C-alpha atoms as a PDB file:
ATOM      1  CA  MET A   1      47.993 -19.435 -22.141  1.00  0.00           C
ATOM      2  CA  LEU A   2      46.746 -20.427 -18.750  1.00  0.00           C
ATOM      3  CA  ALA A   3      44.295 -23.636 -18.592  1.00  0.00           C
ATOM      4  CA  GLY A   4      40.854 -23.316 -19.900  1.00  0.00           C
ATOM      5  CA  SER A   5      41.106 -19.307 -21.628  1.00  0.00           C
ATOM      6  CA  VAL A   6      40.008 -18.910 -24.323  1.00  0.00           C
ATOM      7  CA  PRO A   7      42.174 -17.403 -27.172  1.00  0.00           C
ATOM      8  CA  LEU A   8      41.633 -13.750 -28.162  1.00  0.00           C
ATOM      9  CA  PRO A   9      42.591 -11.971 -31.353  1.00  0.00           C
ATOM     10  CA  TRP A  10      44.717  -8.890 -30.932  1.00  0.00           C
ATOM     11  CA  VAL A  11      44.989  -5.996 -32.960  1.00  0.00           C
ATOM     12  CA  TRP A  12      47.635  -4.082 -31.746  1.00  0.00           C
ATOM     13  CA  ALA A  13      47.780   0.002 -32.074  1.00  0.00           C
ATOM     14  CA  VAL A  14      50.216   2.210 -31.060  1.00  0.00           C
ATOM     15  CA  PHE A  15      49.481   6.020 -29.654  1.00  0.00           C
ATOM     16  CA  LEU A  16      50.511   7.727 -26.423  1.00  0.00           C
ATOM     17  CA  ILE A  17      54.212   8.782 -27.318  1.00  0.00           C
ATOM     18  CA  LEU A  18      54.372  11.308 -24.127  1.00  0.00           C
ATOM     19  CA  PRO A  19      57.969  13.669 -24.500  1.00  0.00           C
ATOM     20  CA  SER A  20      58.348  12.951 -21.012  1.00  0.00           C
ATOM     21  CA  ALA A  21      58.576   9.444 -20.865  1.00  0.00           C
ATOM     22  CA  SER A  22      61.246   7.764 -22.510  1.00  0.00           C
ATOM     23  CA  ILE A  23      58.961   4.114 -23.054  1.00  0.00           C
ATOM     24  CA  LEU A  24      56.911   3.659 -26.344  1.00  0.00           C
ATOM     25  CA  THR A  25      53.450   2.226 -24.851  1.00  0.00           C
ATOM     26  CA  VAL A  26      51.593  -0.587 -26.913  1.00  0.00           C
ATOM     27  CA  TYR A  27      48.069  -0.968 -26.542  1.00  0.00           C
ATOM     28  CA  PRO A  28      46.128  -4.439 -27.347  1.00  0.00           C
ATOM     29  CA  ILE A  29      42.795  -3.616 -28.926  1.00  0.00           C
ATOM     30  CA  LEU A  30      39.809  -6.293 -28.754  1.00  0.00           C
ATOM     31  CA  PRO A  31      37.137  -6.348 -31.596  1.00  0.00           C
ATOM     32  CA  GLY A  32      34.033  -4.676 -30.237  1.00  0.00           C
ATOM     33  CA  PRO A  33      31.054  -5.860 -30.907  1.00  0.00           C
ATOM     34  CA  HIS A  34      30.187  -4.862 -34.049  1.00  0.00           C
ATOM     35  CA  GLN A  35      33.293  -6.258 -35.793  1.00  0.00           C
ATOM     36  CA  GLU A  36      34.249  -9.690 -36.040  1.00  0.00           C
ATOM     37  CA  ALA A  37      37.573 -11.265 -34.650  1.00  0.00           C
ATOM     38  CA  GLU A  38      38.426 -12.447 -38.761  1.00  0.00           C
ATOM     39  CA  PRO A  39      35.558 -10.770 -41.169  1.00  0.00           C
ATOM     40  CA  SER A  40      34.600 -13.650 -44.049  1.00  0.00           C
ATOM     41  CA  MET A  41      34.496 -12.036 -47.571  1.00  0.00           C
ATOM     42  CA  ALA A  42      31.589 -14.191 -48.732  1.00  0.00           C
ATOM     43  CA  ASP A  43      30.474 -18.353 -48.907  1.00  0.00           C
ATOM     44  CA  THR A  44      29.829 -18.983 -52.219  1.00  0.00           C
ATOM     45  CA  PHE A  45      32.751 -18.885 -55.351  1.00  0.00           C
ATOM     46  CA  ASP A  46      33.333 -15.730 -56.046  1.00  0.00           C
ATOM     47  CA  PRO A  47      35.432 -14.723 -59.381  1.00  0.00           C
ATOM     48  CA  TYR A  48      36.735 -11.366 -58.568  1.00  0.00           C
ATOM     49  CA  ARG A  49      38.112 -11.853 -55.233  1.00  0.00           C
ATOM     50  CA  GLU A  50      39.626 -15.216 -56.675  1.00  0.00           C
ATOM     51  CA  ALA A  51      41.957 -12.938 -58.734  1.00  0.00           C
ATOM     52  CA  LEU A  52      42.720 -11.197 -55.749  1.00  0.00           C
ATOM     53  CA  VAL A  53      43.747 -14.623 -53.560  1.00  0.00           C
ATOM     54  CA  VAL A  54      47.480 -13.809 -52.599  1.00  0.00           C
ATOM     55  CA  GLU A  55      47.416 -17.246 -49.768  1.00  0.00           C
ATOM     56  CA  THR A  56      45.699 -20.077 -49.278  1.00  0.00           C
ATOM     57  CA  ALA A  57      44.397 -22.303 -46.195  1.00  0.00           C
ATOM     58  CA  THR A  58      43.319 -25.762 -45.207  1.00  0.00           C
ATOM     59  CA  ILE A  59      40.842 -26.669 -42.316  1.00  0.00           C
ATOM     60  CA  TRP A  60      40.888 -30.129 -42.148  1.00  0.00           C
ATOM     61  CA  PRO A  61      38.498 -32.384 -40.106  1.00  0.00           C
ATOM     62  CA  GLU A  62      39.362 -33.351 -36.506  1.00  0.00           C
ATOM     63  CA  GLY A  63      40.957 -36.852 -36.563  1.00  0.00           C
ATOM     64  CA  THR A  64      41.342 -37.076 -40.028  1.00  0.00           C
ATOM     65  CA  GLU A  65      44.862 -38.257 -40.463  1.00  0.00           C
ATOM     66  CA  LEU A  66      46.808 -38.412 -43.959  1.00  0.00           C
ATOM     67  CA  ASP A  67      50.221 -38.846 -44.697  1.00  0.00           C
ATOM     68  CA  PRO A  68      51.647 -35.372 -45.197  1.00  0.00           C
ATOM     69  CA  ARG A  69      52.380 -36.372 -49.010  1.00  0.00           C
ATOM     70  CA  GLU A  70      49.027 -37.348 -49.440  1.00  0.00           C
ATOM     71  CA  ARG A  71      47.445 -34.287 -47.130  1.00  0.00           C
ATOM     72  CA  TYR A  72      49.552 -31.874 -49.839  1.00  0.00           C
ATOM     73  CA  GLN A  73      48.469 -33.290 -52.900  1.00  0.00           C
ATOM     74  CA  LEU A  74      44.435 -33.813 -51.944  1.00  0.00           C
ATOM     75  CA  GLU A  75      44.922 -29.810 -50.746  1.00  0.00           C
ATOM     76  CA  ALA A  76      46.558 -28.984 -54.452  1.00  0.00           C
ATOM     77  CA  VAL A  77      43.006 -30.601 -55.622  1.00  0.00           C
ATOM     78  CA  LEU A  78      41.118 -28.856 -53.250  1.00  0.00           C
ATOM     79  CA  HIS A  79      42.602 -25.868 -54.095  1.00  0.00           C
ATOM     80  CA  ALA A  80      42.605 -26.158 -58.075  1.00  0.00           C
ATOM     81  CA  HIS A  81      38.950 -26.048 -58.183  1.00  0.00           C
ATOM     82  CA  PRO A  82      37.614 -24.071 -55.206  1.00  0.00           C
ATOM     83  CA  GLN A  83      34.303 -23.533 -57.106  1.00  0.00           C
ATOM     84  CA  GLU A  84      33.760 -27.429 -56.069  1.00  0.00           C
ATOM     85  CA  ALA A  85      34.408 -27.141 -52.325  1.00  0.00           C
ATOM     86  CA  ALA A  86      31.236 -27.186 -49.767  1.00  0.00           C
ATOM     87  CA  GLN A  87      32.985 -25.085 -47.239  1.00  0.00           C
ATOM     88  CA  LEU A  88      34.674 -21.920 -48.702  1.00  0.00           C
ATOM     89  CA  GLU A  89      35.821 -18.444 -46.915  1.00  0.00           C
ATOM     90  CA  TYR A  90      37.854 -15.288 -48.489  1.00  0.00           C
ATOM     91  CA  VAL A  91      39.415 -13.878 -45.208  1.00  0.00           C
ATOM     92  CA  ARG A  92      40.393 -10.005 -46.365  1.00  0.00           C
ATOM     93  CA  MET A  93      43.903  -9.706 -46.048  1.00  0.00           C
ATOM     94  CA  HIS A  94      46.213  -6.482 -46.535  1.00  0.00           C
ATOM     95  CA  THR A  95      47.600  -7.831 -49.973  1.00  0.00           C
ATOM     96  CA  GLY A  96      44.631  -9.180 -51.326  1.00  0.00           C
ATOM     97  CA  PHE A  97      41.881 -11.858 -49.753  1.00  0.00           C
ATOM     98  CA  CYS A  98      43.134 -15.898 -48.188  1.00  0.00           C
ATOM     99  CA  ARG A  99      41.048 -18.753 -49.838  1.00  0.00           C
ATOM    100  CA  LYS A 100      39.882 -20.907 -46.769  1.00  0.00           C
ATOM    101  CA  ILE A 101      38.810 -24.283 -47.689  1.00  0.00           C
ATOM    102  CA  ILE A 102      36.957 -26.060 -45.178  1.00  0.00           C
ATOM    103  CA  VAL A 103      37.288 -30.048 -45.548  1.00  0.00           C
ATOM    104  CA  THR A 104      34.012 -31.320 -44.888  1.00  0.00           C
ATOM    105  CA  ASP A 105      33.837 -35.758 -46.024  1.00  0.00           C
ATOM    106  CA  GLU A 106      32.116 -34.871 -49.251  1.00  0.00           C
ATOM    107  CA  ASP A 107      34.881 -33.196 -50.237  1.00  0.00           C
ATOM    108  CA  LEU A 108      37.459 -36.103 -49.466  1.00  0.00           C
ATOM    109  CA  ALA A 109      35.226 -38.278 -50.903  1.00  0.00           C
ATOM    110  CA  ARG A 110      34.840 -36.344 -54.369  1.00  0.00           C
ATOM    111  CA  VAL A 111      38.800 -36.124 -54.155  1.00  0.00           C
ATOM    112  CA  THR A 112      40.447 -39.381 -53.760  1.00  0.00           C
ATOM    113  CA  ALA A 113      37.654 -40.837 -56.124  1.00  0.00           C
ATOM    114  CA  ALA A 114      39.401 -38.367 -58.596  1.00  0.00           C
ATOM    115  CA  LYS A 115      42.618 -39.764 -58.092  1.00  0.00           C
END
């Protein structure tokens, strides 16, 4: 990636297979103005989407320095009770939803106090 460039979300589509051409052409398609790069489904706890969660992601604040083992344990506690998270998103995937918790200072205080 070039310095100063912004990474773009790419969606790959395969089109245009000509009989005379021996090369398969793959064109990248950027999301249009009416599309989100990564569609979020909700900002609050949703029991319906919770039942369809197949993946989890945790976004930590910059500068958070934790031992990897402690980070893993805190992530487990955060995802065990997602309804208590301050910032929660459900990202639509092909097979269900990815629950993404964006950890705030309040979340860190609550989880470390419960330890």
